[in-house]
Amino acid sequence: MIRDKETDELALLIGKSLLHTIDPEFDDKVMQRVVLASVKKTVIKQNLRLSWIFLIFSAVIFPLGYMLVSRNIQLDFITKAGFDTDSIIKILYPAGIIIFAVILLLQIDNLLRLSYKQKLV
């Protein structure tokens, strides 16, 4: 008697836990999500690779351009104000390099984190 009651309760619980009906398009929806996730992962990898290329390119080109521009810059308004252009350049040149270095290091840090995250996924 007790066994029959327990068996009936167990059968009732199992019956409640089963899926009632599956959507006829369930397989199609799941496959679309799998394909979309695969495409998204491929696009992220391509964009990440392109980001590394542009970061390396800018790390080489920007300092060269900065050196060329800073050496040929005309600071007429500073000389008219009574300041020495050599002292201003001695301040601006290292400041520009420090700003560029900080931005470059932040970008490298962000790309390293994103690259590491993508390898885990």
C-alpha atoms as a PDB file:
ATOM      1  CA  MET A   1       0.000   0.000   0.000  1.00  0.00           C
ATOM      2  CA  ILE A   2       2.694   2.462   0.992  1.00  0.00           C
ATOM      3  CA  ARG A   3       4.801   1.387  -1.978  1.00  0.00           C
ATOM      4  CA  ASP A   4       1.957   1.988  -4.395  1.00  0.00           C
ATOM      5  CA  LYS A   5       1.395   5.474  -2.980  1.00  0.00           C
ATOM      6  CA  GLU A   6       5.102   6.328  -3.290  1.00  0.00           C
ATOM      7  CA  THR A   7       5.219   4.917  -6.807  1.00  0.00           C
ATOM      8  CA  ASP A   8       2.185   6.961  -7.806  1.00  0.00           C
ATOM      9  CA  GLU A   9       3.716  10.161  -6.351  1.00  0.00           C
ATOM     10  CA  LEU A  10       7.005   9.451  -8.133  1.00  0.00           C
ATOM     11  CA  ALA A  11       5.210   8.848 -11.425  1.00  0.00           C
ATOM     12  CA  LEU A  12       3.278  12.083 -10.929  1.00  0.00           C
ATOM     13  CA  LEU A  13       6.482  14.072 -10.288  1.00  0.00           C
ATOM     14  CA  ILE A  14       8.234  12.536 -13.296  1.00  0.00           C
ATOM     15  CA  GLY A  15       5.221  13.294 -15.450  1.00  0.00           C
ATOM     16  CA  LYS A  16       5.277  16.950 -14.370  1.00  0.00           C
ATOM     17  CA  SER A  17       8.981  17.298 -15.152  1.00  0.00           C
ATOM     18  CA  LEU A  18       8.738  16.086 -18.744  1.00  0.00           C
ATOM     19  CA  LEU A  19       8.360  18.517 -21.612  1.00  0.00           C
ATOM     20  CA  HIS A  20       4.818  18.618 -22.807  1.00  0.00           C
ATOM     21  CA  THR A  21       5.305  19.567 -26.448  1.00  0.00           C
ATOM     22  CA  ILE A  22       8.315  20.598 -28.434  1.00  0.00           C
ATOM     23  CA  ASP A  23       8.023  23.418 -30.930  1.00  0.00           C
ATOM     24  CA  PRO A  24       8.087  21.948 -34.455  1.00  0.00           C
ATOM     25  CA  GLU A  25      10.728  24.498 -35.456  1.00  0.00           C
ATOM     26  CA  PHE A  26      12.879  23.819 -32.375  1.00  0.00           C
ATOM     27  CA  ASP A  27      15.704  22.158 -34.322  1.00  0.00           C
ATOM     28  CA  ASP A  28      15.805  24.969 -36.882  1.00  0.00           C
ATOM     29  CA  LYS A  29      15.959  27.619 -34.167  1.00  0.00           C
ATOM     30  CA  VAL A  30      18.763  25.822 -32.335  1.00  0.00           C
ATOM     31  CA  MET A  31      20.766  25.386 -35.542  1.00  0.00           C
ATOM     32  CA  GLN A  32      20.295  29.065 -36.419  1.00  0.00           C
ATOM     33  CA  ARG A  33      21.681  30.017 -33.002  1.00  0.00           C
ATOM     34  CA  VAL A  34      24.659  27.689 -33.449  1.00  0.00           C
ATOM     35  CA  VAL A  35      25.437  29.135 -36.890  1.00  0.00           C
ATOM     36  CA  LEU A  36      25.022  32.701 -35.608  1.00  0.00           C
ATOM     37  CA  ALA A  37      27.370  32.024 -32.688  1.00  0.00           C
ATOM     38  CA  SER A  38      29.953  30.535 -35.058  1.00  0.00           C
ATOM     39  CA  VAL A  39      29.766  33.499 -37.443  1.00  0.00           C
ATOM     40  CA  LYS A  40      29.980  35.941 -34.539  1.00  0.00           C
ATOM     41  CA  LYS A  41      33.078  34.198 -33.185  1.00  0.00           C
ATOM     42  CA  THR A  42      34.746  34.321 -36.621  1.00  0.00           C
ATOM     43  CA  VAL A  43      33.979  38.028 -37.031  1.00  0.00           C
ATOM     44  CA  ILE A  44      35.362  38.802 -33.569  1.00  0.00           C
ATOM     45  CA  LYS A  45      38.592  36.928 -34.380  1.00  0.00           C
ATOM     46  CA  GLN A  46      38.993  38.837 -37.655  1.00  0.00           C
ATOM     47  CA  ASN A  47      38.357  42.193 -35.973  1.00  0.00           C
ATOM     48  CA  LEU A  48      40.766  41.330 -33.182  1.00  0.00           C
ATOM     49  CA  ARG A  49      43.488  40.450 -35.675  1.00  0.00           C
ATOM     50  CA  LEU A  50      42.872  43.690 -37.558  1.00  0.00           C
ATOM     51  CA  SER A  51      43.030  45.657 -34.301  1.00  0.00           C
ATOM     52  CA  TRP A  52      46.457  44.198 -33.512  1.00  0.00           C
ATOM     53  CA  ILE A  53      47.701  45.106 -36.988  1.00  0.00           C
ATOM     54  CA  PHE A  54      46.517  48.720 -36.676  1.00  0.00           C
ATOM     55  CA  LEU A  55      47.953  48.991 -33.166  1.00  0.00           C
ATOM     56  CA  ILE A  56      51.386  47.877 -34.357  1.00  0.00           C
ATOM     57  CA  PHE A  57      51.126  50.153 -37.386  1.00  0.00           C
ATOM     58  CA  SER A  58      50.227  53.169 -35.228  1.00  0.00           C
ATOM     59  CA  ALA A  59      52.976  52.337 -32.721  1.00  0.00           C
ATOM     60  CA  VAL A  60      55.503  52.708 -35.535  1.00  0.00           C
ATOM     61  CA  ILE A  61      54.021  55.475 -37.687  1.00  0.00           C
ATOM     62  CA  PHE A  62      52.790  57.909 -35.018  1.00  0.00           C
ATOM     63  CA  PRO A  63      56.152  58.455 -33.273  1.00  0.00           C
ATOM     64  CA  LEU A  64      57.873  59.005 -36.622  1.00  0.00           C
ATOM     65  CA  GLY A  65      55.265  61.559 -37.653  1.00  0.00           C
ATOM     66  CA  TYR A  66      55.366  63.214 -34.255  1.00  0.00           C
ATOM     67  CA  MET A  67      59.134  63.644 -34.461  1.00  0.00           C
ATOM     68  CA  LEU A  68      58.931  65.090 -37.968  1.00  0.00           C
ATOM     69  CA  VAL A  69      56.144  67.528 -37.099  1.00  0.00           C
ATOM     70  CA  SER A  70      57.649  68.647 -33.795  1.00  0.00           C
ATOM     71  CA  ARG A  71      60.972  69.476 -35.415  1.00  0.00           C
ATOM     72  CA  ASN A  72      59.411  71.562 -38.201  1.00  0.00           C
ATOM     73  CA  ILE A  73      56.659  73.257 -36.226  1.00  0.00           C
ATOM     74  CA  GLN A  74      56.419  77.012 -36.403  1.00  0.00           C
ATOM     75  CA  LEU A  75      55.595  78.530 -33.045  1.00  0.00           C
ATOM     76  CA  ASP A  76      55.395  82.191 -34.047  1.00  0.00           C
ATOM     77  CA  PHE A  77      52.642  82.990 -31.563  1.00  0.00           C
ATOM     78  CA  ILE A  78      54.867  81.753 -28.710  1.00  0.00           C
ATOM     79  CA  THR A  79      57.797  83.944 -29.733  1.00  0.00           C
ATOM     80  CA  LYS A  80      55.459  86.941 -30.041  1.00  0.00           C
ATOM     81  CA  ALA A  81      54.264  86.291 -26.497  1.00  0.00           C
ATOM     82  CA  GLY A  82      57.853  86.470 -25.294  1.00  0.00           C
ATOM     83  CA  PHE A  83      58.504  82.793 -24.597  1.00  0.00           C
ATOM     84  CA  ASP A  84      61.473  80.807 -25.802  1.00  0.00           C
ATOM     85  CA  THR A  85      60.421  78.208 -28.393  1.00  0.00           C
ATOM     86  CA  ASP A  86      63.191  75.801 -27.411  1.00  0.00           C
ATOM     87  CA  SER A  87      61.959  75.596 -23.831  1.00  0.00           C
ATOM     88  CA  ILE A  88      58.353  75.078 -24.970  1.00  0.00           C
ATOM     89  CA  ILE A  89      59.403  72.292 -27.333  1.00  0.00           C
ATOM     90  CA  LYS A  90      61.415  70.699 -24.533  1.00  0.00           C
ATOM     91  CA  ILE A  91      58.180  70.555 -22.519  1.00  0.00           C
ATOM     92  CA  LEU A  92      55.760  69.575 -25.299  1.00  0.00           C
ATOM     93  CA  TYR A  93      57.930  66.867 -26.834  1.00  0.00           C
ATOM     94  CA  PRO A  94      58.189  64.631 -23.721  1.00  0.00           C
ATOM     95  CA  ALA A  95      54.557  65.366 -22.818  1.00  0.00           C
ATOM     96  CA  GLY A  96      53.405  64.149 -26.228  1.00  0.00           C
ATOM     97  CA  ILE A  97      55.521  61.024 -25.932  1.00  0.00           C
ATOM     98  CA  ILE A  98      54.146  60.254 -22.473  1.00  0.00           C
ATOM     99  CA  ILE A  99      50.554  60.737 -23.623  1.00  0.00           C
ATOM    100  CA  PHE A 100      51.141  58.505 -26.638  1.00  0.00           C
ATOM    101  CA  ALA A 101      52.829  55.845 -24.469  1.00  0.00           C
ATOM    102  CA  VAL A 102      49.931  55.807 -21.994  1.00  0.00           C
ATOM    103  CA  ILE A 103      47.350  55.489 -24.768  1.00  0.00           C
ATOM    104  CA  LEU A 104      49.389  52.765 -26.462  1.00  0.00           C
ATOM    105  CA  LEU A 105      49.788  50.791 -23.223  1.00  0.00           C
ATOM    106  CA  LEU A 106      46.061  51.051 -22.472  1.00  0.00           C
ATOM    107  CA  GLN A 107      45.216  49.768 -25.947  1.00  0.00           C
ATOM    108  CA  ILE A 108      47.693  46.904 -25.627  1.00  0.00           C
ATOM    109  CA  ASP A 109      46.192  46.001 -22.249  1.00  0.00           C
ATOM    110  CA  ASN A 110      42.651  46.029 -23.651  1.00  0.00           C
ATOM    111  CA  LEU A 111      43.616  43.948 -26.687  1.00  0.00           C
ATOM    112  CA  LEU A 112      45.491  41.428 -24.528  1.00  0.00           C
ATOM    113  CA  ARG A 113      42.463  41.019 -22.275  1.00  0.00           C
ATOM    114  CA  LEU A 114      40.128  40.628 -25.237  1.00  0.00           C
ATOM    115  CA  SER A 115      42.481  38.163 -26.939  1.00  0.00           C
ATOM    116  CA  TYR A 116      42.771  36.098 -23.775  1.00  0.00           C
ATOM    117  CA  LYS A 117      38.992  36.154 -23.308  1.00  0.00           C
ATOM    118  CA  GLN A 118      38.451  34.961 -26.893  1.00  0.00           C
ATOM    119  CA  LYS A 119      40.852  32.048 -26.405  1.00  0.00           C
ATOM    120  CA  LEU A 120      38.830  30.913 -23.391  1.00  0.00           C
ATOM    121  CA  VAL A 121      35.575  30.962 -25.324  1.00  0.00           C
END
